[in-house]
Amino acid sequence: MTKSVDVRGLSCPQPILLAKRAMDEAKSGTIEVLADSSTAIENVERTARKAGWTVSKNDNGDGVIALVLKK
């Protein structure tokens, strides 16, 4: 099951805190983080990789990036 975290429109540090909470709760699996800020995308990506999650990006072309975190 994929957990989804929507951080669109939020400024740091909220996106990182919400993504980190989801990673801590899930411990493993798949988490999709929807973000529309380049800063949030970079910070969530860095935090996830540091925590041992793999990260892939899906750009739907609408200004929203879906970061798919897997562990």
N, C-alpha and C. Protein backbone atom coordinates (compact mmCIF):
# COMPACT_ATOMS: atom_id res chain seq x y z
N MET A 1 0.85 -1.18 0.00
CA MET A 1 0.00 0.00 0.00
C MET A 1 0.89 1.24 0.00
N THR A 2 0.53 2.22 -0.81
CA THR A 2 1.30 3.46 -0.91
C THR A 2 0.66 4.53 -0.05
N LYS A 3 1.47 5.13 0.80
CA LYS A 3 1.00 6.26 1.60
C LYS A 3 1.28 7.52 0.81
N SER A 4 0.37 8.47 0.84
CA SER A 4 0.55 9.72 0.11
C SER A 4 0.63 10.89 1.09
N VAL A 5 1.60 11.77 0.84
CA VAL A 5 1.78 12.96 1.66
C VAL A 5 1.76 14.16 0.71
N ASP A 6 0.83 15.07 0.92
CA ASP A 6 0.68 16.25 0.06
C ASP A 6 1.29 17.46 0.77
N VAL A 7 2.41 17.96 0.23
CA VAL A 7 3.06 19.12 0.83
C VAL A 7 3.00 20.34 -0.10
N ARG A 8 2.12 20.29 -1.08
CA ARG A 8 1.98 21.42 -2.01
C ARG A 8 1.56 22.67 -1.26
N GLY A 9 2.23 23.77 -1.58
CA GLY A 9 1.88 25.05 -0.98
C GLY A 9 2.48 25.28 0.39
N LEU A 10 3.18 24.29 0.93
CA LEU A 10 3.78 24.45 2.25
C LEU A 10 5.23 24.89 2.11
N SER A 11 5.68 25.70 3.06
CA SER A 11 7.07 26.14 3.04
C SER A 11 7.85 25.38 4.10
N CYS A 12 9.15 25.30 3.88
CA CYS A 12 10.03 24.57 4.80
C CYS A 12 10.00 25.23 6.17
N PRO A 13 10.01 24.42 7.20
CA PRO A 13 10.37 23.01 7.24
C PRO A 13 9.19 22.05 7.19
N GLN A 14 7.98 22.53 6.99
CA GLN A 14 6.80 21.64 7.03
C GLN A 14 6.89 20.44 6.09
N PRO A 15 7.29 20.61 4.81
CA PRO A 15 7.36 19.43 3.94
C PRO A 15 8.29 18.35 4.47
N ILE A 16 9.43 18.75 5.00
CA ILE A 16 10.38 17.77 5.54
C ILE A 16 9.79 17.08 6.76
N LEU A 17 9.18 17.84 7.64
CA LEU A 17 8.61 17.26 8.86
C LEU A 17 7.51 16.26 8.53
N LEU A 18 6.64 16.59 7.59
CA LEU A 18 5.55 15.69 7.21
C LEU A 18 6.08 14.43 6.53
N ALA A 19 7.06 14.59 5.65
CA ALA A 19 7.65 13.43 4.96
C ALA A 19 8.40 12.55 5.96
N LYS A 20 9.14 13.17 6.86
CA LYS A 20 9.90 12.42 7.87
C LYS A 20 8.96 11.63 8.77
N ARG A 21 7.85 12.25 9.16
CA ARG A 21 6.86 11.55 10.00
C ARG A 21 6.33 10.32 9.27
N ALA A 22 6.02 10.49 7.97
CA ALA A 22 5.52 9.36 7.18
C ALA A 22 6.56 8.25 7.08
N MET A 23 7.83 8.62 6.89
CA MET A 23 8.89 7.62 6.81
C MET A 23 9.07 6.90 8.14
N ASP A 24 9.03 7.65 9.23
CA ASP A 24 9.17 7.05 10.56
C ASP A 24 8.02 6.09 10.87
N GLU A 25 6.80 6.48 10.49
CA GLU A 25 5.64 5.64 10.76
C GLU A 25 5.65 4.38 9.89
N ALA A 26 6.02 4.54 8.63
CA ALA A 26 5.97 3.41 7.70
C ALA A 26 7.14 2.44 7.91
N LYS A 27 8.29 2.96 8.22
CA LYS A 27 9.53 2.19 8.38
C LYS A 27 9.99 1.55 7.07
N SER A 28 9.06 1.10 6.23
CA SER A 28 9.39 0.55 4.91
C SER A 28 8.14 0.63 4.04
N GLY A 29 8.31 0.32 2.77
CA GLY A 29 7.18 0.37 1.84
C GLY A 29 7.36 1.49 0.84
N THR A 30 6.24 2.07 0.41
CA THR A 30 6.26 3.13 -0.59
C THR A 30 5.48 4.33 -0.08
N ILE A 31 6.10 5.50 -0.24
CA ILE A 31 5.46 6.77 0.14
C ILE A 31 5.56 7.70 -1.04
N GLU A 32 4.45 8.33 -1.40
CA GLU A 32 4.44 9.32 -2.48
C GLU A 32 4.29 10.70 -1.84
N VAL A 33 5.24 11.57 -2.13
CA VAL A 33 5.20 12.94 -1.61
C VAL A 33 4.94 13.87 -2.79
N LEU A 34 3.83 14.61 -2.74
CA LEU A 34 3.49 15.57 -3.79
C LEU A 34 3.98 16.95 -3.38
N ALA A 35 4.84 17.54 -4.21
CA ALA A 35 5.43 18.83 -3.87
C ALA A 35 5.45 19.74 -5.09
N ASP A 36 5.37 21.05 -4.83
CA ASP A 36 5.40 22.02 -5.93
C ASP A 36 6.48 23.07 -5.75
N SER A 37 7.35 22.87 -4.79
CA SER A 37 8.43 23.81 -4.52
C SER A 37 9.77 23.09 -4.72
N SER A 38 10.65 23.72 -5.48
CA SER A 38 11.95 23.08 -5.73
C SER A 38 12.73 22.90 -4.43
N THR A 39 12.61 23.83 -3.50
CA THR A 39 13.29 23.71 -2.22
C THR A 39 12.76 22.51 -1.44
N ALA A 40 11.45 22.36 -1.39
CA ALA A 40 10.85 21.23 -0.68
C ALA A 40 11.26 19.92 -1.33
N ILE A 41 11.27 19.88 -2.65
CA ILE A 41 11.65 18.66 -3.38
C ILE A 41 13.08 18.26 -3.04
N GLU A 42 13.99 19.22 -3.11
CA GLU A 42 15.40 18.94 -2.81
C GLU A 42 15.59 18.49 -1.36
N ASN A 43 14.93 19.17 -0.44
CA ASN A 43 15.10 18.84 0.98
C ASN A 43 14.50 17.50 1.34
N VAL A 44 13.32 17.19 0.82
CA VAL A 44 12.68 15.90 1.10
C VAL A 44 13.52 14.78 0.48
N GLU A 45 14.00 15.00 -0.74
CA GLU A 45 14.82 14.01 -1.42
C GLU A 45 16.10 13.72 -0.61
N ARG A 46 16.77 14.76 -0.17
CA ARG A 46 18.00 14.60 0.61
C ARG A 46 17.74 13.88 1.93
N THR A 47 16.66 14.28 2.62
CA THR A 47 16.31 13.67 3.90
C THR A 47 15.98 12.19 3.74
N ALA A 48 15.22 11.86 2.69
CA ALA A 48 14.84 10.46 2.46
C ALA A 48 16.06 9.61 2.16
N ARG A 49 16.94 10.09 1.30
CA ARG A 49 18.14 9.31 0.95
C ARG A 49 19.03 9.10 2.17
N LYS A 50 19.13 10.14 2.99
CA LYS A 50 19.94 10.05 4.21
C LYS A 50 19.38 8.99 5.16
N ALA A 51 18.05 8.81 5.12
CA ALA A 51 17.38 7.82 5.98
C ALA A 51 17.34 6.43 5.35
N GLY A 52 17.96 6.27 4.17
CA GLY A 52 18.04 4.95 3.56
C GLY A 52 16.94 4.62 2.57
N TRP A 53 16.14 5.60 2.17
CA TRP A 53 15.07 5.39 1.20
C TRP A 53 15.60 5.69 -0.20
N THR A 54 15.11 4.97 -1.20
CA THR A 54 15.42 5.31 -2.58
C THR A 54 14.37 6.31 -3.03
N VAL A 55 14.75 7.20 -3.93
CA VAL A 55 13.85 8.26 -4.36
C VAL A 55 13.81 8.32 -5.89
N SER A 56 12.60 8.36 -6.43
CA SER A 56 12.43 8.62 -7.86
C SER A 56 11.44 9.77 -8.00
N LYS A 57 11.58 10.50 -9.10
CA LYS A 57 10.72 11.67 -9.33
C LYS A 57 9.84 11.42 -10.54
N ASN A 58 8.57 11.78 -10.39
CA ASN A 58 7.62 11.74 -11.51
C ASN A 58 7.09 13.15 -11.71
N ASP A 59 7.34 13.69 -12.90
CA ASP A 59 6.87 15.03 -13.24
C ASP A 59 5.67 14.89 -14.17
N ASN A 60 4.50 15.31 -13.67
CA ASN A 60 3.28 15.20 -14.46
C ASN A 60 3.10 16.37 -15.42
N GLY A 61 4.04 17.34 -15.38
CA GLY A 61 3.97 18.47 -16.27
C GLY A 61 3.03 19.57 -15.80
N ASP A 62 2.45 19.41 -14.62
CA ASP A 62 1.52 20.42 -14.12
C ASP A 62 2.13 21.24 -12.99
N GLY A 63 3.45 21.17 -12.85
CA GLY A 63 4.12 21.92 -11.79
C GLY A 63 4.23 21.17 -10.48
N VAL A 64 3.66 19.98 -10.44
CA VAL A 64 3.72 19.16 -9.22
C VAL A 64 4.63 17.97 -9.49
N ILE A 65 5.56 17.75 -8.60
CA ILE A 65 6.46 16.61 -8.68
C ILE A 65 6.02 15.58 -7.65
N ALA A 66 5.94 14.34 -8.07
CA ALA A 66 5.65 13.25 -7.14
C ALA A 66 6.98 12.56 -6.83
N LEU A 67 7.40 12.66 -5.61
CA LEU A 67 8.59 11.95 -5.15
C LEU A 67 8.12 10.60 -4.63
N VAL A 68 8.65 9.53 -5.19
CA VAL A 68 8.26 8.19 -4.74
C VAL A 68 9.42 7.64 -3.92
N LEU A 69 9.16 7.45 -2.63
CA LEU A 69 10.15 6.97 -1.69
C LEU A 69 9.90 5.48 -1.46
N LYS A 70 10.95 4.67 -1.54
CA LYS A 70 10.81 3.22 -1.33
C LYS A 70 11.91 2.72 -0.41
N LYS A 71 11.52 1.79 0.43
CA LYS A 71 12.48 1.14 1.32
C LYS A 71 12.03 -0.27 1.58
